[in-house]
């Protein structure tokens, strides 16, 4: 009886070891789902993030990396999210969130300027500056440097992404 129980318990374990995964882990511990087109990966990624194509603020190319900056709804209000579009052998595409969604306008009306660093799937380090830009202002001074961030005309949210050293 004990041998039968041991065998019965081993079968699911062995079956799990022989299955082929359909998703690939990423450096950020996400599982990637690969799609046949960039458009399909984009639409599925946006849906997963709870947003739409109209909310893309910019698609920014850094060498071989493509980062997608989008207007995001968070549990605390609204903010900005960043994802990367990964490509495998010019045939498969995957959406990867590379940074947590950051809130810049809270549901109680308060706003905040913030910054964070993140690492892309290719291992490149970036710094993201975000916030709400005052009206009639187009530049910011951050760490003693004047920058001209991208500003969303409707929400006045701004962001700037810079490559950084690891």
Foldseek 3Di string as FASTA:
>chain_A
DVVVVVVVVVVVVVVVVPDDDQWDQFPVRDTWHKDQDLVVQVQVVQVVQVHGPVQFLDWDDDPPKTKTKGWHADPFGIFIWIWTWDDDPNGIIHIGTFDPTDDAAGPVGHGDWDKDWTAHSVGWIKIKTKYAADPPDQWDQDPNDIDGFRADPPRSMTMDMDTDDD
